[in-house]
ModelCIF file with pLDDT and N, C-alpha, C, O atoms, coordinates in Angstrom:
data_MODEL
#
_entry.id   MODEL 
#
_entity.id                         1 
_entity.type                       polymer 
_entity.pdbx_number_of_molecules   1 
#
_entity_poly.entity_id                      1 
_entity_poly.type                           'polypeptide(L)' 
_entity_poly.nstd_linkage                   no 
_entity_poly.nstd_monomer                   no 
_entity_poly.pdbx_seq_one_letter_code       QSKLTFIDGLHGIKGYSGFTEKRCLDLNMQIAWQNKGSLEDFLSTE 
_entity_poly.pdbx_seq_one_letter_code_can   QSKLTFIDGLHGIKGYSGFTEKRCLDLNMQIAWQNKGSLEDFLSTE 
_entity_poly.pdbx_strand_id                 A 
#
loop_
_entity_poly_seq.entity_id 
_entity_poly_seq.num 
_entity_poly_seq.mon_id 
_entity_poly_seq.hetero 
1 1  GLN n 
1 2  SER n 
1 3  LYS n 
1 4  LEU n 
1 5  THR n 
1 6  PHE n 
1 7  ILE n 
1 8  ASP n 
1 9  GLY n 
1 10 LEU n 
1 11 HIS n 
1 12 GLY n 
1 13 ILE n 
1 14 LYS n 
1 15 GLY n 
1 16 TYR n 
1 17 SER n 
1 18 GLY n 
1 19 PHE n 
1 20 THR n 
1 21 GLU n 
1 22 LYS n 
1 23 ARG n 
1 24 CYS n 
1 25 LEU n 
1 26 ASP n 
1 27 LEU n 
1 28 ASN n 
1 29 MET n 
1 30 GLN n 
1 31 ILE n 
1 32 ALA n 
1 33 TRP n 
1 34 GLN n 
1 35 ASN n 
1 36 LYS n 
1 37 GLY n 
1 38 SER n 
1 39 LEU n 
1 40 GLU n 
1 41 ASP n 
1 42 PHE n 
1 43 LEU n 
1 44 SER n 
1 45 THR n 
1 46 GLU n 
#
_struct_asym.id          A 
_struct_asym.entity_id   1 
#
loop_
_ma_qa_metric.id 
_ma_qa_metric.mode 
_ma_qa_metric.name 
_ma_qa_metric.software_group_id 
_ma_qa_metric.type 
1 global pLDDT . pLDDT 
2 local  pLDDT . pLDDT 
#
_ma_qa_metric_global.metric_id      1 
_ma_qa_metric_global.metric_value   94.26 
_ma_qa_metric_global.model_id       1 
_ma_qa_metric_global.ordinal_id     1 
#
loop_
_ma_qa_metric_local.label_asym_id 
_ma_qa_metric_local.label_comp_id 
_ma_qa_metric_local.label_seq_id 
_ma_qa_metric_local.metric_id 
_ma_qa_metric_local.metric_value 
_ma_qa_metric_local.model_id 
_ma_qa_metric_local.ordinal_id 
A GLN 1  2 96.00 1 1  
A SER 2  2 96.00 1 2  
A LYS 3  2 96.00 1 3  
A LEU 4  2 95.00 1 4  
A THR 5  2 96.00 1 5  
A PHE 6  2 97.00 1 6  
A ILE 7  2 96.00 1 7  
A ASP 8  2 96.00 1 8  
A GLY 9  2 95.00 1 9  
A LEU 10 2 96.00 1 10 
A HIS 11 2 91.00 1 11 
A GLY 12 2 89.00 1 12 
A ILE 13 2 95.00 1 13 
A LYS 14 2 95.00 1 14 
A GLY 15 2 96.00 1 15 
A TYR 16 2 97.00 1 16 
A SER 17 2 96.00 1 17 
A GLY 18 2 96.00 1 18 
A PHE 19 2 95.00 1 19 
A THR 20 2 95.00 1 20 
A GLU 21 2 94.00 1 21 
A LYS 22 2 92.00 1 22 
A ARG 23 2 83.00 1 23 
A CYS 24 2 81.00 1 24 
A LEU 25 2 74.00 1 25 
A ASP 26 2 90.00 1 26 
A LEU 27 2 94.00 1 27 
A ASN 28 2 95.00 1 28 
A MET 29 2 96.00 1 29 
A GLN 30 2 96.00 1 30 
A ILE 31 2 97.00 1 31 
A ALA 32 2 97.00 1 32 
A TRP 33 2 97.00 1 33 
A GLN 34 2 96.00 1 34 
A ASN 35 2 96.00 1 35 
A LYS 36 2 94.00 1 36 
A GLY 37 2 95.00 1 37 
A SER 38 2 96.00 1 38 
A LEU 39 2 96.00 1 39 
A GLU 40 2 95.00 1 40 
A ASP 41 2 96.00 1 41 
A PHE 42 2 97.00 1 42 
A LEU 43 2 97.00 1 43 
A SER 44 2 96.00 1 44 
A THR 45 2 96.00 1 45 
A GLU 46 2 96.00 1 46 
#
loop_
_atom_site.group_PDB 
_atom_site.id 
_atom_site.type_symbol 
_atom_site.label_atom_id 
_atom_site.label_alt_id 
_atom_site.label_comp_id 
_atom_site.label_asym_id 
_atom_site.label_entity_id 
_atom_site.label_seq_id 
_atom_site.pdbx_PDB_ins_code 
_atom_site.Cartn_x 
_atom_site.Cartn_y 
_atom_site.Cartn_z 
_atom_site.occupancy 
_atom_site.B_iso_or_equiv 
_atom_site.pdbx_formal_charge 
_atom_site.auth_seq_id 
_atom_site.auth_comp_id 
_atom_site.auth_asym_id 
_atom_site.auth_atom_id 
_atom_site.pdbx_PDB_model_num 
ATOM 1   N N  . GLN A 1 1  ? -49.725 -205.174 43.349 1.00 96.00 ? 1  GLN A N  1 
ATOM 2   C CA . GLN A 1 1  ? -50.644 -204.833 44.436 1.00 96.00 ? 1  GLN A CA 1 
ATOM 3   C C  . GLN A 1 1  ? -51.020 -206.087 45.233 1.00 96.00 ? 1  GLN A C  1 
ATOM 4   O O  . GLN A 1 1  ? -51.047 -206.065 46.463 1.00 96.00 ? 1  GLN A O  1 
ATOM 5   N N  . SER A 1 2  ? -51.309 -207.172 44.521 1.00 96.00 ? 2  SER A N  1 
ATOM 6   C CA . SER A 1 2  ? -51.630 -208.440 45.188 1.00 96.00 ? 2  SER A CA 1 
ATOM 7   C C  . SER A 1 2  ? -50.427 -208.964 45.964 1.00 96.00 ? 2  SER A C  1 
ATOM 8   O O  . SER A 1 2  ? -50.568 -209.474 47.075 1.00 96.00 ? 2  SER A O  1 
ATOM 9   N N  . LYS A 1 3  ? -49.246 -208.833 45.373 1.00 96.00 ? 3  LYS A N  1 
ATOM 10  C CA . LYS A 1 3  ? -48.029 -209.332 46.022 1.00 96.00 ? 3  LYS A CA 1 
ATOM 11  C C  . LYS A 1 3  ? -47.743 -208.565 47.314 1.00 96.00 ? 3  LYS A C  1 
ATOM 12  O O  . LYS A 1 3  ? -47.398 -209.175 48.326 1.00 96.00 ? 3  LYS A O  1 
ATOM 13  N N  . LEU A 1 4  ? -47.881 -207.242 47.291 1.00 95.00 ? 4  LEU A N  1 
ATOM 14  C CA . LEU A 1 4  ? -47.630 -206.450 48.492 1.00 95.00 ? 4  LEU A CA 1 
ATOM 15  C C  . LEU A 1 4  ? -48.618 -206.797 49.608 1.00 95.00 ? 4  LEU A C  1 
ATOM 16  O O  . LEU A 1 4  ? -48.237 -206.871 50.777 1.00 95.00 ? 4  LEU A O  1 
ATOM 17  N N  . THR A 1 5  ? -49.868 -207.008 49.252 1.00 96.00 ? 5  THR A N  1 
ATOM 18  C CA . THR A 1 5  ? -50.872 -207.422 50.241 1.00 96.00 ? 5  THR A CA 1 
ATOM 19  C C  . THR A 1 5  ? -50.502 -208.784 50.820 1.00 96.00 ? 5  THR A C  1 
ATOM 20  O O  . THR A 1 5  ? -50.618 -209.005 52.026 1.00 96.00 ? 5  THR A O  1 
ATOM 21  N N  . PHE A 1 6  ? -50.060 -209.688 49.963 1.00 97.00 ? 6  PHE A N  1 
ATOM 22  C CA . PHE A 1 6  ? -49.654 -211.025 50.385 1.00 97.00 ? 6  PHE A CA 1 
ATOM 23  C C  . PHE A 1 6  ? -48.478 -210.952 51.360 1.00 97.00 ? 6  PHE A C  1 
ATOM 24  O O  . PHE A 1 6  ? -48.516 -211.559 52.430 1.00 97.00 ? 6  PHE A O  1 
ATOM 25  N N  . ILE A 1 7  ? -47.437 -210.211 50.987 1.00 96.00 ? 7  ILE A N  1 
ATOM 26  C CA . ILE A 1 7  ? -46.247 -210.107 51.830 1.00 96.00 ? 7  ILE A CA 1 
ATOM 27  C C  . ILE A 1 7  ? -46.590 -209.487 53.177 1.00 96.00 ? 7  ILE A C  1 
ATOM 28  O O  . ILE A 1 7  ? -46.141 -209.967 54.218 1.00 96.00 ? 7  ILE A O  1 
ATOM 29  N N  . ASP A 1 8  ? -47.379 -208.430 53.157 1.00 96.00 ? 8  ASP A N  1 
ATOM 30  C CA . ASP A 1 8  ? -47.767 -207.762 54.396 1.00 96.00 ? 8  ASP A CA 1 
ATOM 31  C C  . ASP A 1 8  ? -48.506 -208.712 55.337 1.00 96.00 ? 8  ASP A C  1 
ATOM 32  O O  . ASP A 1 8  ? -48.351 -208.630 56.556 1.00 96.00 ? 8  ASP A O  1 
ATOM 33  N N  . GLY A 1 9  ? -49.304 -209.604 54.773 1.00 95.00 ? 9  GLY A N  1 
ATOM 34  C CA . GLY A 1 9  ? -50.084 -210.534 55.581 1.00 95.00 ? 9  GLY A CA 1 
ATOM 35  C C  . GLY A 1 9  ? -49.307 -211.718 56.122 1.00 95.00 ? 9  GLY A C  1 
ATOM 36  O O  . GLY A 1 9  ? -49.813 -212.451 56.972 1.00 95.00 ? 9  GLY A O  1 
ATOM 37  N N  . LEU A 1 10 ? -48.079 -211.921 55.644 1.00 96.00 ? 10 LEU A N  1 
ATOM 38  C CA . LEU A 1 10 ? -47.276 -213.053 56.119 1.00 96.00 ? 10 LEU A CA 1 
ATOM 39  C C  . LEU A 1 10 ? -46.805 -212.867 57.557 1.00 96.00 ? 10 LEU A C  1 
ATOM 40  O O  . LEU A 1 10 ? -46.707 -213.834 58.314 1.00 96.00 ? 10 LEU A O  1 
ATOM 41  N N  . HIS A 1 11 ? -46.521 -211.648 57.923 1.00 91.00 ? 11 HIS A N  1 
ATOM 42  C CA . HIS A 1 11 ? -45.994 -211.375 59.264 1.00 91.00 ? 11 HIS A CA 1 
ATOM 43  C C  . HIS A 1 11 ? -47.021 -211.774 60.317 1.00 91.00 ? 11 HIS A C  1 
ATOM 44  O O  . HIS A 1 11 ? -48.192 -211.401 60.235 1.00 91.00 ? 11 HIS A O  1 
ATOM 45  N N  . GLY A 1 12 ? -46.577 -212.516 61.281 1.00 89.00 ? 12 GLY A N  1 
ATOM 46  C CA . GLY A 1 12 ? -47.458 -212.958 62.356 1.00 89.00 ? 12 GLY A CA 1 
ATOM 47  C C  . GLY A 1 12 ? -48.095 -214.317 62.114 1.00 89.00 ? 12 GLY A C  1 
ATOM 48  O O  . GLY A 1 12 ? -48.754 -214.849 63.008 1.00 89.00 ? 12 GLY A O  1 
ATOM 49  N N  . ILE A 1 13 ? -47.918 -214.893 60.933 1.00 95.00 ? 13 ILE A N  1 
ATOM 50  C CA . ILE A 1 13 ? -48.461 -216.228 60.677 1.00 95.00 ? 13 ILE A CA 1 
ATOM 51  C C  . ILE A 1 13 ? -47.542 -217.257 61.340 1.00 95.00 ? 13 ILE A C  1 
ATOM 52  O O  . ILE A 1 13 ? -46.322 -217.205 61.183 1.00 95.00 ? 13 ILE A O  1 
ATOM 53  N N  . LYS A 1 14 ? -48.131 -218.174 62.070 1.00 95.00 ? 14 LYS A N  1 
ATOM 54  C CA . LYS A 1 14 ? -47.374 -219.184 62.817 1.00 95.00 ? 14 LYS A CA 1 
ATOM 55  C C  . LYS A 1 14 ? -46.469 -219.981 61.870 1.00 95.00 ? 14 LYS A C  1 
ATOM 56  O O  . LYS A 1 14 ? -46.927 -220.527 60.866 1.00 95.00 ? 14 LYS A O  1 
ATOM 57  N N  . GLY A 1 15 ? -45.202 -220.033 62.204 1.00 96.00 ? 15 GLY A N  1 
ATOM 58  C CA . GLY A 1 15 ? -44.238 -220.818 61.442 1.00 96.00 ? 15 GLY A CA 1 
ATOM 59  C C  . GLY A 1 15 ? -43.512 -220.044 60.354 1.00 96.00 ? 15 GLY A C  1 
ATOM 60  O O  . GLY A 1 15 ? -42.520 -220.536 59.817 1.00 96.00 ? 15 GLY A O  1 
ATOM 61  N N  . TYR A 1 16 ? -43.979 -218.843 60.012 1.00 97.00 ? 16 TYR A N  1 
ATOM 62  C CA . TYR A 1 16 ? -43.331 -218.032 58.978 1.00 97.00 ? 16 TYR A CA 1 
ATOM 63  C C  . TYR A 1 16 ? -41.974 -217.557 59.476 1.00 97.00 ? 16 TYR A C  1 
ATOM 64  O O  . TYR A 1 16 ? -41.856 -217.062 60.597 1.00 97.00 ? 16 TYR A O  1 
ATOM 65  N N  . SER A 1 17 ? -40.937 -217.710 58.631 1.00 96.00 ? 17 SER A N  1 
ATOM 66  C CA . SER A 1 17 ? -39.583 -217.344 59.042 1.00 96.00 ? 17 SER A CA 1 
ATOM 67  C C  . SER A 1 17 ? -38.938 -216.264 58.179 1.00 96.00 ? 17 SER A C  1 
ATOM 68  O O  . SER A 1 17 ? -37.834 -215.819 58.493 1.00 96.00 ? 17 SER A O  1 
ATOM 69  N N  . GLY A 1 18 ? -39.583 -215.833 57.115 1.00 96.00 ? 18 GLY A N  1 
ATOM 70  C CA . GLY A 1 18 ? -39.015 -214.795 56.257 1.00 96.00 ? 18 GLY A CA 1 
ATOM 71  C C  . GLY A 1 18 ? -39.073 -215.207 54.794 1.00 96.00 ? 18 GLY A C  1 
ATOM 72  O O  . GLY A 1 18 ? -39.448 -216.330 54.458 1.00 96.00 ? 18 GLY A O  1 
ATOM 73  N N  . PHE A 1 19 ? -38.689 -214.262 53.929 1.00 95.00 ? 19 PHE A N  1 
ATOM 74  C CA . PHE A 1 19 ? -38.679 -214.575 52.510 1.00 95.00 ? 19 PHE A CA 1 
ATOM 75  C C  . PHE A 1 19 ? -37.539 -213.855 51.811 1.00 95.00 ? 19 PHE A C  1 
ATOM 76  O O  . PHE A 1 19 ? -37.019 -212.851 52.298 1.00 95.00 ? 19 PHE A O  1 
ATOM 77  N N  . THR A 1 20 ? -37.169 -214.386 50.673 1.00 95.00 ? 20 THR A N  1 
ATOM 78  C CA . THR A 1 20 ? -36.205 -213.734 49.785 1.00 95.00 ? 20 THR A CA 1 
ATOM 79  C C  . THR A 1 20 ? -36.854 -213.639 48.421 1.00 95.00 ? 20 THR A C  1 
ATOM 80  O O  . THR A 1 20 ? -37.699 -214.457 48.055 1.00 95.00 ? 20 THR A O  1 
ATOM 81  N N  . GLU A 1 21 ? -36.443 -212.625 47.675 1.00 94.00 ? 21 GLU A N  1 
ATOM 82  C CA . GLU A 1 21 ? -37.008 -212.423 46.344 1.00 94.00 ? 21 GLU A CA 1 
ATOM 83  C C  . GLU A 1 21 ? -35.935 -211.854 45.437 1.00 94.00 ? 21 GLU A C  1 
ATOM 84  O O  . GLU A 1 21 ? -35.222 -210.923 45.812 1.00 94.00 ? 21 GLU A O  1 
ATOM 85  N N  . LYS A 1 22 ? -35.821 -212.414 44.246 1.00 92.00 ? 22 LYS A N  1 
ATOM 86  C CA . LYS A 1 22 ? -34.916 -211.856 43.249 1.00 92.00 ? 22 LYS A CA 1 
ATOM 87  C C  . LYS A 1 22 ? -35.617 -210.676 42.597 1.00 92.00 ? 22 LYS A C  1 
ATOM 88  O O  . LYS A 1 22 ? -36.792 -210.770 42.240 1.00 92.00 ? 22 LYS A O  1 
ATOM 89  N N  . ARG A 1 23 ? -34.922 -209.592 42.444 1.00 83.00 ? 23 ARG A N  1 
ATOM 90  C CA . ARG A 1 23 ? -35.488 -208.395 41.817 1.00 83.00 ? 23 ARG A CA 1 
ATOM 91  C C  . ARG A 1 23 ? -35.521 -208.574 40.301 1.00 83.00 ? 23 ARG A C  1 
ATOM 92  O O  . ARG A 1 23 ? -34.481 -208.644 39.647 1.00 83.00 ? 23 ARG A O  1 
ATOM 93  N N  . CYS A 1 24 ? -36.712 -208.645 39.770 1.00 81.00 ? 24 CYS A N  1 
ATOM 94  C CA . CYS A 1 24 ? -36.919 -208.748 38.332 1.00 81.00 ? 24 CYS A CA 1 
ATOM 95  C C  . CYS A 1 24 ? -38.393 -208.463 38.056 1.00 81.00 ? 24 CYS A C  1 
ATOM 96  O O  . CYS A 1 24 ? -39.181 -208.296 38.987 1.00 81.00 ? 24 CYS A O  1 
ATOM 97  N N  . LEU A 1 25 ? -38.762 -208.407 36.793 1.00 74.00 ? 25 LEU A N  1 
ATOM 98  C CA . LEU A 1 25 ? -40.164 -208.156 36.465 1.00 74.00 ? 25 LEU A CA 1 
ATOM 99  C C  . LEU A 1 25 ? -41.046 -209.337 36.848 1.00 74.00 ? 25 LEU A C  1 
ATOM 100 O O  . LEU A 1 25 ? -42.214 -209.159 37.195 1.00 74.00 ? 25 LEU A O  1 
ATOM 101 N N  . ASP A 1 26 ? -40.497 -210.525 36.787 1.00 90.00 ? 26 ASP A N  1 
ATOM 102 C CA . ASP A 1 26 ? -41.258 -211.720 37.109 1.00 90.00 ? 26 ASP A CA 1 
ATOM 103 C C  . ASP A 1 26 ? -41.196 -212.002 38.608 1.00 90.00 ? 26 ASP A C  1 
ATOM 104 O O  . ASP A 1 26 ? -40.388 -211.417 39.330 1.00 90.00 ? 26 ASP A O  1 
ATOM 105 N N  . LEU A 1 27 ? -42.047 -212.892 39.057 1.00 94.00 ? 27 LEU A N  1 
ATOM 106 C CA . LEU A 1 27 ? -42.043 -213.307 40.462 1.00 94.00 ? 27 LEU A CA 1 
ATOM 107 C C  . LEU A 1 27 ? -41.031 -214.420 40.644 1.00 94.00 ? 27 LEU A C  1 
ATOM 108 O O  . LEU A 1 27 ? -41.037 -215.403 39.903 1.00 94.00 ? 27 LEU A O  1 
ATOM 109 N N  . ASN A 1 28 ? -40.165 -214.265 41.627 1.00 95.00 ? 28 ASN A N  1 
ATOM 110 C CA . ASN A 1 28 ? -39.188 -215.279 41.984 1.00 95.00 ? 28 ASN A CA 1 
ATOM 111 C C  . ASN A 1 28 ? -38.954 -215.151 43.491 1.00 95.00 ? 28 ASN A C  1 
ATOM 112 O O  . ASN A 1 28 ? -38.068 -214.419 43.933 1.00 95.00 ? 28 ASN A O  1 
ATOM 113 N N  . MET A 1 29 ? -39.758 -215.868 44.266 1.00 96.00 ? 29 MET A N  1 
ATOM 114 C CA . MET A 1 29 ? -39.778 -215.693 45.717 1.00 96.00 ? 29 MET A CA 1 
ATOM 115 C C  . MET A 1 29 ? -39.631 -217.037 46.422 1.00 96.00 ? 29 MET A C  1 
ATOM 116 O O  . MET A 1 29 ? -40.176 -218.049 45.982 1.00 96.00 ? 29 MET A O  1 
ATOM 117 N N  . GLN A 1 30 ? -38.881 -217.027 47.530 1.00 96.00 ? 30 GLN A N  1 
ATOM 118 C CA . GLN A 1 30 ? -38.756 -218.187 48.401 1.00 96.00 ? 30 GLN A CA 1 
ATOM 119 C C  . GLN A 1 30 ? -39.204 -217.766 49.792 1.00 96.00 ? 30 GLN A C  1 
ATOM 120 O O  . GLN A 1 30 ? -38.663 -216.825 50.372 1.00 96.00 ? 30 GLN A O  1 
ATOM 121 N N  . ILE A 1 31 ? -40.198 -218.473 50.321 1.00 97.00 ? 31 ILE A N  1 
ATOM 122 C CA . ILE A 1 31 ? -40.723 -218.163 51.645 1.00 97.00 ? 31 ILE A CA 1 
ATOM 123 C C  . ILE A 1 31 ? -40.330 -219.291 52.591 1.00 97.00 ? 31 ILE A C  1 
ATOM 124 O O  . ILE A 1 31 ? -40.633 -220.457 52.339 1.00 97.00 ? 31 ILE A O  1 
ATOM 125 N N  . ALA A 1 32 ? -39.652 -218.935 53.684 1.00 97.00 ? 32 ALA A N  1 
ATOM 126 C CA . ALA A 1 32 ? -39.154 -219.928 54.636 1.00 97.00 ? 32 ALA A CA 1 
ATOM 127 C C  . ALA A 1 32 ? -40.178 -220.185 55.735 1.00 97.00 ? 32 ALA A C  1 
ATOM 128 O O  . ALA A 1 32 ? -40.797 -219.260 56.260 1.00 97.00 ? 32 ALA A O  1 
ATOM 129 N N  . TRP A 1 33 ? -40.341 -221.471 56.070 1.00 97.00 ? 33 TRP A N  1 
ATOM 130 C CA . TRP A 1 33 ? -41.243 -221.907 57.143 1.00 97.00 ? 33 TRP A CA 1 
ATOM 131 C C  . TRP A 1 33 ? -40.456 -222.762 58.112 1.00 97.00 ? 33 TRP A C  1 
ATOM 132 O O  . TRP A 1 33 ? -39.528 -223.467 57.716 1.00 97.00 ? 33 TRP A O  1 
ATOM 133 N N  . GLN A 1 34 ? -40.824 -222.700 59.380 1.00 96.00 ? 34 GLN A N  1 
ATOM 134 C CA . GLN A 1 34 ? -40.103 -223.448 60.416 1.00 96.00 ? 34 GLN A CA 1 
ATOM 135 C C  . GLN A 1 34 ? -40.155 -224.950 60.187 1.00 96.00 ? 34 GLN A C  1 
ATOM 136 O O  . GLN A 1 34 ? -39.190 -225.660 60.469 1.00 96.00 ? 34 GLN A O  1 
ATOM 137 N N  . ASN A 1 35 ? -41.288 -225.436 59.672 1.00 96.00 ? 35 ASN A N  1 
ATOM 138 C CA . ASN A 1 35 ? -41.422 -226.867 59.428 1.00 96.00 ? 35 ASN A CA 1 
ATOM 139 C C  . ASN A 1 35 ? -42.518 -227.109 58.385 1.00 96.00 ? 35 ASN A C  1 
ATOM 140 O O  . ASN A 1 35 ? -43.269 -226.197 58.037 1.00 96.00 ? 35 ASN A O  1 
ATOM 141 N N  . LYS A 1 36 ? -42.597 -228.322 57.904 1.00 94.00 ? 36 LYS A N  1 
ATOM 142 C CA . LYS A 1 36 ? -43.568 -228.648 56.862 1.00 94.00 ? 36 LYS A CA 1 
ATOM 143 C C  . LYS A 1 36 ? -45.009 -228.500 57.353 1.00 94.00 ? 36 LYS A C  1 
ATOM 144 O O  . LYS A 1 36 ? -45.893 -228.120 56.585 1.00 94.00 ? 36 LYS A O  1 
ATOM 145 N N  . GLY A 1 37 ? -45.243 -228.798 58.625 1.00 95.00 ? 37 GLY A N  1 
ATOM 146 C CA . GLY A 1 37 ? -46.590 -228.677 59.179 1.00 95.00 ? 37 GLY A CA 1 
ATOM 147 C C  . GLY A 1 37 ? -47.104 -227.247 59.134 1.00 95.00 ? 37 GLY A C  1 
ATOM 148 O O  . GLY A 1 37 ? -48.255 -227.011 58.767 1.00 95.00 ? 37 GLY A O  1 
ATOM 149 N N  . SER A 1 38 ? -46.249 -226.281 59.510 1.00 96.00 ? 38 SER A N  1 
ATOM 150 C CA . SER A 1 38 ? -46.689 -224.883 59.468 1.00 96.00 ? 38 SER A CA 1 
ATOM 151 C C  . SER A 1 38 ? -46.913 -224.424 58.038 1.00 96.00 ? 38 SER A C  1 
ATOM 152 O O  . SER A 1 38 ? -47.820 -223.631 57.784 1.00 96.00 ? 38 SER A O  1 
ATOM 153 N N  . LEU A 1 39 ? -46.112 -224.901 57.104 1.00 96.00 ? 39 LEU A N  1 
ATOM 154 C CA . LEU A 1 39 ? -46.322 -224.570 55.690 1.00 96.00 ? 39 LEU A CA 1 
ATOM 155 C C  . LEU A 1 39 ? -47.640 -225.161 55.192 1.00 96.00 ? 39 LEU A C  1 
ATOM 156 O O  . LEU A 1 39 ? -48.408 -224.479 54.513 1.00 96.00 ? 39 LEU A O  1 
ATOM 157 N N  . GLU A 1 40 ? -47.903 -226.414 55.522 1.00 95.00 ? 40 GLU A N  1 
ATOM 158 C CA . GLU A 1 40 ? -49.151 -227.047 55.081 1.00 95.00 ? 40 GLU A CA 1 
ATOM 159 C C  . GLU A 1 40 ? -50.367 -226.325 55.657 1.00 95.00 ? 40 GLU A C  1 
ATOM 160 O O  . GLU A 1 40 ? -51.377 -226.172 54.970 1.00 95.00 ? 40 GLU A O  1 
ATOM 161 N N  . ASP A 1 41 ? -50.280 -225.881 56.909 1.00 96.00 ? 41 ASP A N  1 
ATOM 162 C CA . ASP A 1 41 ? -51.371 -225.092 57.493 1.00 96.00 ? 41 ASP A CA 1 
ATOM 163 C C  . ASP A 1 41 ? -51.577 -223.807 56.703 1.00 96.00 ? 41 ASP A C  1 
ATOM 164 O O  . ASP A 1 41 ? -52.712 -223.426 56.416 1.00 96.00 ? 41 ASP A O  1 
ATOM 165 N N  . PHE A 1 42 ? -50.489 -223.144 56.352 1.00 97.00 ? 42 PHE A N  1 
ATOM 166 C CA . PHE A 1 42 ? -50.568 -221.898 55.589 1.00 97.00 ? 42 PHE A CA 1 
ATOM 167 C C  . PHE A 1 42 ? -51.202 -222.113 54.214 1.00 97.00 ? 42 PHE A C  1 
ATOM 168 O O  . PHE A 1 42 ? -51.990 -221.288 53.752 1.00 97.00 ? 42 PHE A O  1 
ATOM 169 N N  . LEU A 1 43 ? -50.854 -223.226 53.562 1.00 97.00 ? 43 LEU A N  1 
ATOM 170 C CA . LEU A 1 43 ? -51.373 -223.493 52.217 1.00 97.00 ? 43 LEU A CA 1 
ATOM 171 C C  . LEU A 1 43 ? -52.893 -223.651 52.188 1.00 97.00 ? 43 LEU A C  1 
ATOM 172 O O  . LEU A 1 43 ? -53.504 -223.542 51.125 1.00 97.00 ? 43 LEU A O  1 
ATOM 173 N N  . SER A 1 44 ? -53.501 -223.903 53.331 1.00 96.00 ? 44 SER A N  1 
ATOM 174 C CA . SER A 1 44 ? -54.957 -224.053 53.379 1.00 96.00 ? 44 SER A CA 1 
ATOM 175 C C  . SER A 1 44 ? -55.668 -222.751 53.755 1.00 96.00 ? 44 SER A C  1 
ATOM 176 O O  . SER A 1 44 ? -56.894 -222.730 53.867 1.00 96.00 ? 44 SER A O  1 
ATOM 177 N N  . THR A 1 45 ? -54.910 -221.665 53.949 1.00 96.00 ? 45 THR A N  1 
ATOM 178 C CA . THR A 1 45 ? -55.529 -220.404 54.346 1.00 96.00 ? 45 THR A CA 1 
ATOM 179 C C  . THR A 1 45 ? -56.074 -219.633 53.147 1.00 96.00 ? 45 THR A C  1 
ATOM 180 O O  . THR A 1 45 ? -55.625 -219.808 52.014 1.00 96.00 ? 45 THR A O  1 
ATOM 181 N N  . GLU A 1 46 ? -57.041 -218.786 53.424 1.00 96.00 ? 46 GLU A N  1 
ATOM 182 C CA . GLU A 1 46 ? -57.600 -217.911 52.396 1.00 96.00 ? 46 GLU A CA 1 
ATOM 183 C C  . GLU A 1 46 ? -56.534 -216.932 51.892 1.00 96.00 ? 46 GLU A C  1 
ATOM 184 O O  . GLU A 1 46 ? -56.813 -216.110 51.020 1.00 96.00 ? 46 GLU A O  1 
#
């Protein structure tokens, strides 16, 4: 439930470029950002 809310909220965030996820019971996700600055901005968000 938390993961779906998280993924849904990624769309529209500046610098977000998409994500890939391996299908398994555990979390294994890679989220692409246009540059390190946009990622660092995202890491400080609620």
